[in-house]
């Protein structure tokens, strides 16, 4: 993430950033570096207590970015996409299942610099093209509930 943010600045791309999540006793030092290096661009840093404030941050955001190496489903990504954010994610984990192919950048975890460059290039292309956000309606409970019920009932029989 730090390399991506630095790459965006090198490319002349202005941005504002909300880095949202719980803060644990042990966290990668890179987050402190992001907080210091990009302090003037930070709209929010850290945990959001109230869900209404979290949803407000999502509504105010244009893009949601993941650089995750480990994520079960990417629920935060799905939530941001449902709020209208344009998704930018690596081509790994569960993301290819619901993030449009054109919004995925090359997964190169062994070369963070090259991965950041790929992410910056995809983001710039997305910003230049202004595509409509892909709202993941197919993953809403209202759509999946009947399928889950049918699957569970089938197992119980």
N, C-alpha and C. Protein backbone atom coordinates (compact mmCIF):
# COMPACT_ATOMS: atom_id res chain seq x y z
N UNK A 1 0.83 -1.19 0.00
CA UNK A 1 0.00 0.00 0.00
C UNK A 1 0.88 1.25 0.00
N UNK A 2 1.91 1.25 0.84
CA UNK A 2 2.80 2.41 0.88
C UNK A 2 3.44 2.65 -0.49
N UNK A 3 3.91 1.60 -1.12
CA UNK A 3 4.53 1.75 -2.44
C UNK A 3 3.52 2.25 -3.47
N UNK A 4 2.28 1.79 -3.38
CA UNK A 4 1.24 2.27 -4.30
C UNK A 4 0.98 3.76 -4.07
N UNK A 5 0.84 4.16 -2.84
CA UNK A 5 0.59 5.58 -2.55
C UNK A 5 1.74 6.45 -3.04
N UNK A 6 2.97 5.98 -2.79
CA UNK A 6 4.14 6.73 -3.27
C UNK A 6 4.16 6.80 -4.79
N UNK A 7 3.80 5.70 -5.46
CA UNK A 7 3.76 5.66 -6.93
C UNK A 7 2.73 6.66 -7.46
N UNK A 8 1.58 6.72 -6.81
CA UNK A 8 0.54 7.67 -7.24
C UNK A 8 1.06 9.10 -7.19
N UNK A 9 1.77 9.43 -6.11
CA UNK A 9 2.34 10.77 -6.01
C UNK A 9 3.39 11.03 -7.09
N UNK A 10 4.23 10.03 -7.33
CA UNK A 10 5.24 10.16 -8.39
C UNK A 10 4.59 10.42 -9.74
N UNK A 11 3.41 9.84 -9.95
CA UNK A 11 2.69 10.00 -11.21
C UNK A 11 1.86 11.28 -11.24
N UNK A 12 1.91 12.07 -10.17
CA UNK A 12 1.17 13.33 -10.13
C UNK A 12 -0.30 13.18 -9.80
N UNK A 13 -0.69 12.03 -9.27
CA UNK A 13 -2.10 11.78 -8.92
C UNK A 13 -2.38 12.26 -7.50
N UNK A 14 -3.21 13.26 -7.37
CA UNK A 14 -3.60 13.73 -6.04
C UNK A 14 -4.63 12.76 -5.48
N UNK A 15 -4.68 12.63 -4.17
CA UNK A 15 -5.67 11.75 -3.54
C UNK A 15 -5.84 12.13 -2.08
N UNK A 16 -6.94 11.69 -1.54
CA UNK A 16 -7.21 11.74 -0.09
C UNK A 16 -7.39 10.29 0.32
N UNK A 17 -7.05 9.98 1.56
CA UNK A 17 -7.00 8.59 2.00
C UNK A 17 -7.67 8.42 3.35
N UNK A 18 -8.52 7.42 3.46
CA UNK A 18 -9.03 6.96 4.75
C UNK A 18 -8.51 5.55 4.93
N UNK A 19 -7.70 5.36 5.94
CA UNK A 19 -7.13 4.06 6.26
C UNK A 19 -7.88 3.56 7.49
N UNK A 20 -8.84 2.67 7.26
CA UNK A 20 -9.79 2.30 8.29
C UNK A 20 -9.57 0.88 8.75
N UNK A 21 -9.60 0.68 10.05
CA UNK A 21 -9.49 -0.67 10.60
C UNK A 21 -9.09 -0.63 12.06
N UNK A 22 -9.27 -1.78 12.70
CA UNK A 22 -8.89 -1.89 14.11
C UNK A 22 -7.39 -1.76 14.25
N UNK A 23 -6.98 -1.22 15.37
CA UNK A 23 -5.56 -1.09 15.66
C UNK A 23 -5.23 -2.07 16.78
N UNK A 24 -4.36 -3.00 16.49
CA UNK A 24 -3.97 -4.01 17.46
C UNK A 24 -2.65 -3.63 18.10
N UNK A 25 -2.29 -4.32 19.17
CA UNK A 25 -1.03 -4.02 19.86
C UNK A 25 0.16 -4.13 18.91
N UNK A 26 0.15 -5.17 18.10
CA UNK A 26 1.21 -5.34 17.12
C UNK A 26 0.63 -5.09 15.74
N UNK A 27 1.20 -4.13 15.05
CA UNK A 27 0.79 -3.87 13.68
C UNK A 27 2.03 -3.57 12.86
N UNK A 28 1.97 -3.86 11.59
CA UNK A 28 3.15 -3.62 10.75
C UNK A 28 3.58 -2.16 10.83
N UNK A 29 4.88 -1.91 10.98
CA UNK A 29 5.39 -0.53 11.07
C UNK A 29 5.05 0.32 9.85
N UNK A 30 4.74 -0.32 8.72
CA UNK A 30 4.44 0.43 7.50
C UNK A 30 3.22 1.34 7.70
N UNK A 31 2.29 0.96 8.57
CA UNK A 31 1.12 1.81 8.80
C UNK A 31 1.51 3.13 9.45
N UNK A 32 2.46 3.08 10.37
CA UNK A 32 2.95 4.33 10.97
C UNK A 32 3.64 5.18 9.91
N UNK A 33 4.38 4.54 9.01
CA UNK A 33 5.04 5.27 7.93
C UNK A 33 4.01 5.93 7.01
N UNK A 34 2.95 5.20 6.67
CA UNK A 34 1.88 5.78 5.85
C UNK A 34 1.27 6.96 6.58
N UNK A 35 1.00 6.79 7.88
CA UNK A 35 0.41 7.87 8.67
C UNK A 35 1.28 9.11 8.70
N UNK A 36 2.58 8.94 8.74
CA UNK A 36 3.50 10.08 8.76
C UNK A 36 3.70 10.67 7.37
N UNK A 37 4.00 9.82 6.41
CA UNK A 37 4.36 10.29 5.07
C UNK A 37 3.16 10.91 4.35
N UNK A 38 1.98 10.41 4.62
CA UNK A 38 0.79 10.88 3.91
C UNK A 38 -0.20 11.59 4.84
N UNK A 39 0.33 12.13 5.93
CA UNK A 39 -0.50 12.81 6.94
C UNK A 39 -1.42 13.87 6.34
N UNK A 40 -0.90 14.65 5.41
CA UNK A 40 -1.71 15.74 4.83
C UNK A 40 -2.84 15.23 3.95
N UNK A 41 -2.77 13.97 3.55
CA UNK A 41 -3.81 13.39 2.68
C UNK A 41 -4.81 12.55 3.45
N UNK A 42 -4.56 12.32 4.74
CA UNK A 42 -5.42 11.45 5.53
C UNK A 42 -6.71 12.14 5.96
N UNK A 43 -7.82 11.55 5.56
CA UNK A 43 -9.14 12.00 6.04
C UNK A 43 -9.49 11.29 7.34
N UNK A 44 -9.08 10.03 7.42
CA UNK A 44 -9.32 9.23 8.62
C UNK A 44 -8.23 8.18 8.72
N UNK A 45 -7.82 7.90 9.96
CA UNK A 45 -6.81 6.88 10.21
C UNK A 45 -7.22 6.10 11.45
N UNK A 46 -7.46 4.80 11.29
CA UNK A 46 -7.75 3.95 12.44
C UNK A 46 -9.18 3.44 12.47
N UNK A 47 -9.57 3.01 13.63
CA UNK A 47 -10.87 2.37 13.84
C UNK A 47 -11.98 3.41 13.84
N UNK A 48 -13.14 3.02 13.33
CA UNK A 48 -14.33 3.88 13.36
C UNK A 48 -15.31 3.24 14.34
N UNK A 49 -15.62 3.94 15.42
CA UNK A 49 -16.48 3.40 16.47
C UNK A 49 -17.91 3.14 15.99
N UNK A 50 -18.51 4.13 15.39
CA UNK A 50 -19.93 4.03 15.03
C UNK A 50 -20.10 3.61 13.59
N UNK A 51 -20.98 2.65 13.37
CA UNK A 51 -21.22 2.13 12.03
C UNK A 51 -21.75 3.23 11.11
N UNK A 52 -22.49 4.18 11.65
CA UNK A 52 -22.99 5.27 10.82
C UNK A 52 -21.84 6.13 10.29
N UNK A 53 -20.80 6.32 11.11
CA UNK A 53 -19.63 7.07 10.66
C UNK A 53 -18.86 6.29 9.60
N UNK A 54 -18.78 4.97 9.78
CA UNK A 54 -18.12 4.12 8.79
C UNK A 54 -18.86 4.19 7.45
N UNK A 55 -20.17 4.09 7.49
CA UNK A 55 -20.96 4.17 6.25
C UNK A 55 -20.82 5.54 5.60
N UNK A 56 -20.71 6.59 6.40
CA UNK A 56 -20.50 7.93 5.85
C UNK A 56 -19.16 7.99 5.11
N UNK A 57 -18.11 7.42 5.72
CA UNK A 57 -16.80 7.39 5.05
C UNK A 57 -16.89 6.65 3.72
N UNK A 58 -17.62 5.54 3.70
CA UNK A 58 -17.77 4.78 2.46
C UNK A 58 -18.50 5.59 1.40
N UNK A 59 -19.56 6.29 1.80
CA UNK A 59 -20.31 7.10 0.83
C UNK A 59 -19.48 8.25 0.28
N UNK A 60 -18.57 8.76 1.08
CA UNK A 60 -17.72 9.88 0.65
C UNK A 60 -16.56 9.43 -0.23
N UNK A 61 -16.24 8.14 -0.19
CA UNK A 61 -15.09 7.63 -0.93
C UNK A 61 -15.45 7.37 -2.39
N UNK A 62 -14.45 7.47 -3.24
CA UNK A 62 -14.61 7.16 -4.67
C UNK A 62 -14.07 5.78 -5.01
N UNK A 63 -12.98 5.40 -4.35
CA UNK A 63 -12.28 4.15 -4.68
C UNK A 63 -12.00 3.39 -3.39
N UNK A 64 -12.11 2.08 -3.45
CA UNK A 64 -11.69 1.21 -2.36
C UNK A 64 -10.54 0.36 -2.89
N UNK A 65 -9.48 0.27 -2.10
CA UNK A 65 -8.28 -0.44 -2.54
C UNK A 65 -7.96 -1.56 -1.57
N UNK A 66 -7.62 -2.71 -2.13
CA UNK A 66 -7.08 -3.79 -1.30
C UNK A 66 -5.70 -4.16 -1.83
N UNK A 67 -4.81 -4.39 -0.87
CA UNK A 67 -3.49 -4.93 -1.18
C UNK A 67 -3.28 -6.22 -0.38
N UNK A 68 -4.38 -6.81 0.07
CA UNK A 68 -4.33 -7.94 0.99
C UNK A 68 -3.61 -9.15 0.41
N UNK A 69 -2.87 -9.81 1.29
CA UNK A 69 -2.28 -11.10 0.99
C UNK A 69 -3.10 -12.22 1.61
N UNK A 70 -3.96 -11.85 2.56
CA UNK A 70 -4.82 -12.82 3.23
C UNK A 70 -6.16 -12.15 3.50
N UNK A 71 -7.22 -12.76 3.04
CA UNK A 71 -8.56 -12.23 3.24
C UNK A 71 -9.53 -13.36 2.94
N UNK A 72 -10.47 -13.61 3.82
CA UNK A 72 -11.38 -14.73 3.62
C UNK A 72 -12.35 -14.46 2.48
N UNK A 73 -13.09 -13.37 2.57
CA UNK A 73 -14.07 -13.03 1.54
C UNK A 73 -13.88 -11.63 1.00
N UNK A 74 -13.25 -10.79 1.75
CA UNK A 74 -13.14 -9.40 1.35
C UNK A 74 -14.42 -8.63 1.66
N UNK A 75 -14.98 -8.88 2.84
CA UNK A 75 -16.26 -8.25 3.19
C UNK A 75 -16.17 -6.73 3.18
N UNK A 76 -15.06 -6.18 3.60
CA UNK A 76 -14.92 -4.71 3.58
C UNK A 76 -14.95 -4.20 2.14
N UNK A 77 -14.35 -4.94 1.23
CA UNK A 77 -14.39 -4.56 -0.19
C UNK A 77 -15.83 -4.63 -0.71
N UNK A 78 -16.53 -5.71 -0.39
CA UNK A 78 -17.92 -5.85 -0.83
C UNK A 78 -18.78 -4.71 -0.27
N UNK A 79 -18.55 -4.39 0.99
CA UNK A 79 -19.32 -3.31 1.62
C UNK A 79 -19.05 -1.97 0.94
N UNK A 80 -17.80 -1.70 0.64
CA UNK A 80 -17.45 -0.44 -0.03
C UNK A 80 -18.01 -0.40 -1.45
N UNK A 81 -17.95 -1.53 -2.14
CA UNK A 81 -18.51 -1.59 -3.49
C UNK A 81 -20.03 -1.37 -3.45
N UNK A 82 -20.69 -1.95 -2.45
CA UNK A 82 -22.14 -1.76 -2.31
C UNK A 82 -22.48 -0.30 -2.03
N UNK A 83 -21.54 0.42 -1.42
CA UNK A 83 -21.74 1.85 -1.15
C UNK A 83 -21.42 2.71 -2.37
N UNK A 84 -20.95 2.09 -3.46
CA UNK A 84 -20.70 2.84 -4.68
C UNK A 84 -19.25 3.12 -4.99
N UNK A 85 -18.34 2.53 -4.23
CA UNK A 85 -16.91 2.75 -4.49
C UNK A 85 -16.44 1.91 -5.67
N UNK A 86 -15.55 2.47 -6.43
CA UNK A 86 -14.87 1.76 -7.50
C UNK A 86 -13.80 0.88 -6.85
N UNK A 87 -13.79 -0.40 -7.17
CA UNK A 87 -12.86 -1.33 -6.53
C UNK A 87 -11.56 -1.46 -7.30
N UNK A 88 -10.46 -1.52 -6.56
CA UNK A 88 -9.14 -1.82 -7.10
C UNK A 88 -8.56 -2.90 -6.20
N UNK A 89 -8.28 -4.07 -6.77
CA UNK A 89 -7.84 -5.20 -5.96
C UNK A 89 -6.84 -6.05 -6.72
N UNK A 90 -6.04 -6.82 -5.98
CA UNK A 90 -5.10 -7.73 -6.65
C UNK A 90 -5.85 -8.91 -7.25
N UNK A 91 -5.26 -9.47 -8.27
CA UNK A 91 -5.84 -10.63 -8.94
C UNK A 91 -5.47 -11.89 -8.15
N UNK A 92 -6.03 -11.98 -6.94
CA UNK A 92 -5.78 -13.13 -6.05
C UNK A 92 -6.91 -13.20 -5.03
N UNK A 93 -6.84 -14.21 -4.20
CA UNK A 93 -7.81 -14.44 -3.14
C UNK A 93 -9.21 -14.56 -3.75
N UNK A 94 -10.22 -14.02 -3.08
CA UNK A 94 -11.59 -14.12 -3.58
C UNK A 94 -11.95 -12.99 -4.53
N UNK A 95 -11.08 -11.99 -4.67
CA UNK A 95 -11.43 -10.80 -5.45
C UNK A 95 -11.86 -11.09 -6.89
N UNK A 96 -11.19 -11.98 -7.61
CA UNK A 96 -11.63 -12.23 -9.00
C UNK A 96 -13.06 -12.76 -9.11
N UNK A 97 -13.63 -13.23 -8.01
CA UNK A 97 -15.00 -13.73 -8.03
C UNK A 97 -16.03 -12.60 -8.14
N UNK A 98 -15.68 -11.40 -7.65
CA UNK A 98 -16.68 -10.33 -7.65
C UNK A 98 -16.17 -8.95 -8.07
N UNK A 99 -14.88 -8.78 -8.18
CA UNK A 99 -14.35 -7.50 -8.68
C UNK A 99 -14.20 -7.63 -10.19
N UNK A 100 -14.69 -6.68 -10.96
CA UNK A 100 -14.56 -6.76 -12.42
C UNK A 100 -13.10 -6.96 -12.84
N UNK A 101 -12.89 -7.77 -13.86
CA UNK A 101 -11.54 -8.12 -14.32
C UNK A 101 -10.71 -6.87 -14.62
N UNK A 102 -11.32 -5.83 -15.15
CA UNK A 102 -10.61 -4.60 -15.48
C UNK A 102 -10.17 -3.81 -14.26
N UNK A 103 -10.63 -4.20 -13.08
CA UNK A 103 -10.28 -3.50 -11.83
C UNK A 103 -9.24 -4.27 -11.03
N UNK A 104 -8.77 -5.38 -11.59
CA UNK A 104 -7.77 -6.20 -10.90
C UNK A 104 -6.37 -5.88 -11.42
N UNK A 105 -5.44 -5.75 -10.51
CA UNK A 105 -4.06 -5.53 -10.92
C UNK A 105 -3.27 -6.83 -10.72
N UNK A 106 -2.12 -6.92 -11.37
CA UNK A 106 -1.30 -8.13 -11.32
C UNK A 106 -0.88 -8.46 -9.90
N UNK A 107 -1.08 -9.70 -9.53
CA UNK A 107 -0.68 -10.18 -8.21
C UNK A 107 0.78 -10.61 -8.27
N UNK A 108 1.62 -9.81 -7.64
CA UNK A 108 3.06 -10.08 -7.63
C UNK A 108 3.61 -9.93 -6.21
N UNK A 109 3.14 -10.75 -5.27
CA UNK A 109 3.54 -10.57 -3.87
C UNK A 109 5.05 -10.70 -3.64
N UNK A 110 5.76 -11.38 -4.55
CA UNK A 110 7.20 -11.51 -4.40
C UNK A 110 7.94 -10.26 -4.90
N UNK A 111 7.23 -9.33 -5.54
CA UNK A 111 7.82 -8.10 -6.05
C UNK A 111 6.86 -6.93 -5.79
N UNK A 112 6.91 -6.43 -4.58
CA UNK A 112 5.96 -5.39 -4.15
C UNK A 112 6.04 -4.14 -5.03
N UNK A 113 7.23 -3.80 -5.49
CA UNK A 113 7.37 -2.62 -6.35
C UNK A 113 6.64 -2.78 -7.67
N UNK A 114 6.79 -3.95 -8.28
CA UNK A 114 6.10 -4.21 -9.55
C UNK A 114 4.59 -4.29 -9.34
N UNK A 115 4.17 -4.86 -8.21
CA UNK A 115 2.74 -4.92 -7.92
C UNK A 115 2.17 -3.52 -7.73
N UNK A 116 2.88 -2.66 -7.02
CA UNK A 116 2.44 -1.28 -6.83
C UNK A 116 2.35 -0.55 -8.16
N UNK A 117 3.30 -0.79 -9.04
CA UNK A 117 3.28 -0.17 -10.36
C UNK A 117 2.06 -0.64 -11.15
N UNK A 118 1.76 -1.93 -11.08
CA UNK A 118 0.59 -2.47 -11.78
C UNK A 118 -0.69 -1.86 -11.21
N UNK A 119 -0.78 -1.78 -9.89
CA UNK A 119 -1.96 -1.21 -9.25
C UNK A 119 -2.15 0.25 -9.65
N UNK A 120 -1.06 1.01 -9.65
CA UNK A 120 -1.14 2.43 -10.03
C UNK A 120 -1.59 2.58 -11.48
N UNK A 121 -1.10 1.72 -12.36
CA UNK A 121 -1.48 1.80 -13.78
C UNK A 121 -2.97 1.47 -13.96
N UNK A 122 -3.45 0.44 -13.28
CA UNK A 122 -4.87 0.08 -13.38
C UNK A 122 -5.73 1.20 -12.81
N UNK A 123 -5.33 1.75 -11.67
CA UNK A 123 -6.10 2.83 -11.07
C UNK A 123 -6.15 4.04 -12.00
N UNK A 124 -5.03 4.40 -12.60
CA UNK A 124 -5.02 5.55 -13.51
C UNK A 124 -5.94 5.30 -14.70
N UNK A 125 -5.91 4.09 -15.24
CA UNK A 125 -6.79 3.75 -16.36
C UNK A 125 -8.26 3.85 -15.93
N UNK A 126 -8.56 3.39 -14.72
CA UNK A 126 -9.93 3.47 -14.23
C UNK A 126 -10.36 4.92 -14.05
N UNK A 127 -9.48 5.74 -13.48
CA UNK A 127 -9.82 7.15 -13.26
C UNK A 127 -9.99 7.88 -14.59
N UNK A 128 -9.18 7.55 -15.57
CA UNK A 128 -9.29 8.17 -16.89
C UNK A 128 -10.58 7.76 -17.59
N UNK A 129 -10.99 6.51 -17.41
CA UNK A 129 -12.17 5.98 -18.09
C UNK A 129 -13.48 6.22 -17.36
N UNK A 130 -13.40 6.53 -16.07
CA UNK A 130 -14.58 6.80 -15.25
C UNK A 130 -15.66 5.72 -15.38
N UNK A 131 -15.32 4.44 -15.19
CA UNK A 131 -16.37 3.41 -15.28
C UNK A 131 -17.33 3.51 -14.10
N UNK A 132 -18.51 3.00 -14.30
CA UNK A 132 -19.49 2.97 -13.21
C UNK A 132 -19.04 1.93 -12.20
N UNK A 133 -19.22 2.21 -10.91
CA UNK A 133 -18.88 1.20 -9.90
C UNK A 133 -19.69 -0.07 -10.11
N UNK A 134 -19.07 -1.20 -9.82
CA UNK A 134 -19.74 -2.50 -9.93
C UNK A 134 -20.32 -2.85 -8.56
N UNK A 135 -21.60 -2.63 -8.40
CA UNK A 135 -22.25 -2.94 -7.13
C UNK A 135 -22.50 -4.45 -7.08
N UNK A 136 -22.02 -5.11 -6.03
CA UNK A 136 -22.11 -6.57 -5.97
C UNK A 136 -23.48 -7.06 -5.51
N UNK A 137 -24.51 -6.73 -6.25
CA UNK A 137 -25.87 -7.10 -5.87
C UNK A 137 -26.08 -8.61 -5.77
N UNK A 138 -25.34 -9.38 -6.55
CA UNK A 138 -25.51 -10.84 -6.53
C UNK A 138 -25.11 -11.43 -5.18
N UNK A 139 -24.38 -10.68 -4.37
CA UNK A 139 -23.93 -11.19 -3.07
C UNK A 139 -24.79 -10.70 -1.91
N UNK A 140 -25.86 -9.98 -2.20
CA UNK A 140 -26.74 -9.49 -1.14
C UNK A 140 -27.53 -10.65 -0.54
N UNK A 141 -27.77 -10.57 0.76
CA UNK A 141 -28.52 -11.62 1.45
C UNK A 141 -29.89 -11.81 0.82
N UNK A 142 -30.51 -10.72 0.39
CA UNK A 142 -31.84 -10.83 -0.21
C UNK A 142 -31.83 -11.70 -1.46
N UNK A 143 -30.69 -11.77 -2.13
CA UNK A 143 -30.57 -12.60 -3.33
C UNK A 143 -30.11 -14.02 -3.00
N UNK A 144 -29.30 -14.16 -1.97
CA UNK A 144 -28.71 -15.46 -1.65
C UNK A 144 -29.53 -16.28 -0.65
N UNK A 145 -30.40 -15.63 0.07
CA UNK A 145 -31.13 -16.29 1.16
C UNK A 145 -31.86 -17.55 0.69
N UNK A 146 -32.56 -17.49 -0.41
CA UNK A 146 -33.30 -18.65 -0.91
C UNK A 146 -32.35 -19.78 -1.29
N UNK A 147 -31.21 -19.44 -1.88
CA UNK A 147 -30.23 -20.47 -2.26
C UNK A 147 -29.64 -21.14 -1.03
N UNK A 148 -29.31 -20.34 -0.01
CA UNK A 148 -28.79 -20.92 1.24
C UNK A 148 -29.84 -21.83 1.89
N UNK A 149 -31.07 -21.34 1.95
CA UNK A 149 -32.14 -22.13 2.57
C UNK A 149 -32.30 -23.46 1.83
N UNK A 150 -32.31 -23.41 0.52
CA UNK A 150 -32.46 -24.62 -0.29
C UNK A 150 -31.30 -25.58 -0.05
N UNK A 151 -30.08 -25.06 0.01
CA UNK A 151 -28.91 -25.90 0.26
C UNK A 151 -28.95 -26.54 1.63
N UNK A 152 -29.33 -25.77 2.63
CA UNK A 152 -29.40 -26.30 4.00
C UNK A 152 -30.49 -27.36 4.11
N UNK A 153 -31.67 -27.06 3.52
CA UNK A 153 -32.76 -28.04 3.57
C UNK A 153 -32.38 -29.31 2.84
N UNK A 154 -31.66 -29.19 1.75
CA UNK A 154 -31.21 -30.35 0.99
C UNK A 154 -30.26 -31.21 1.84
N UNK A 155 -29.39 -30.57 2.58
CA UNK A 155 -28.47 -31.31 3.46
C UNK A 155 -29.19 -32.00 4.59
N UNK A 156 -30.22 -31.35 5.10
CA UNK A 156 -30.98 -31.92 6.23
C UNK A 156 -31.81 -33.14 5.82
N UNK A 157 -32.19 -33.17 4.55
CA UNK A 157 -32.96 -34.33 4.08
C UNK A 157 -32.09 -35.47 3.97
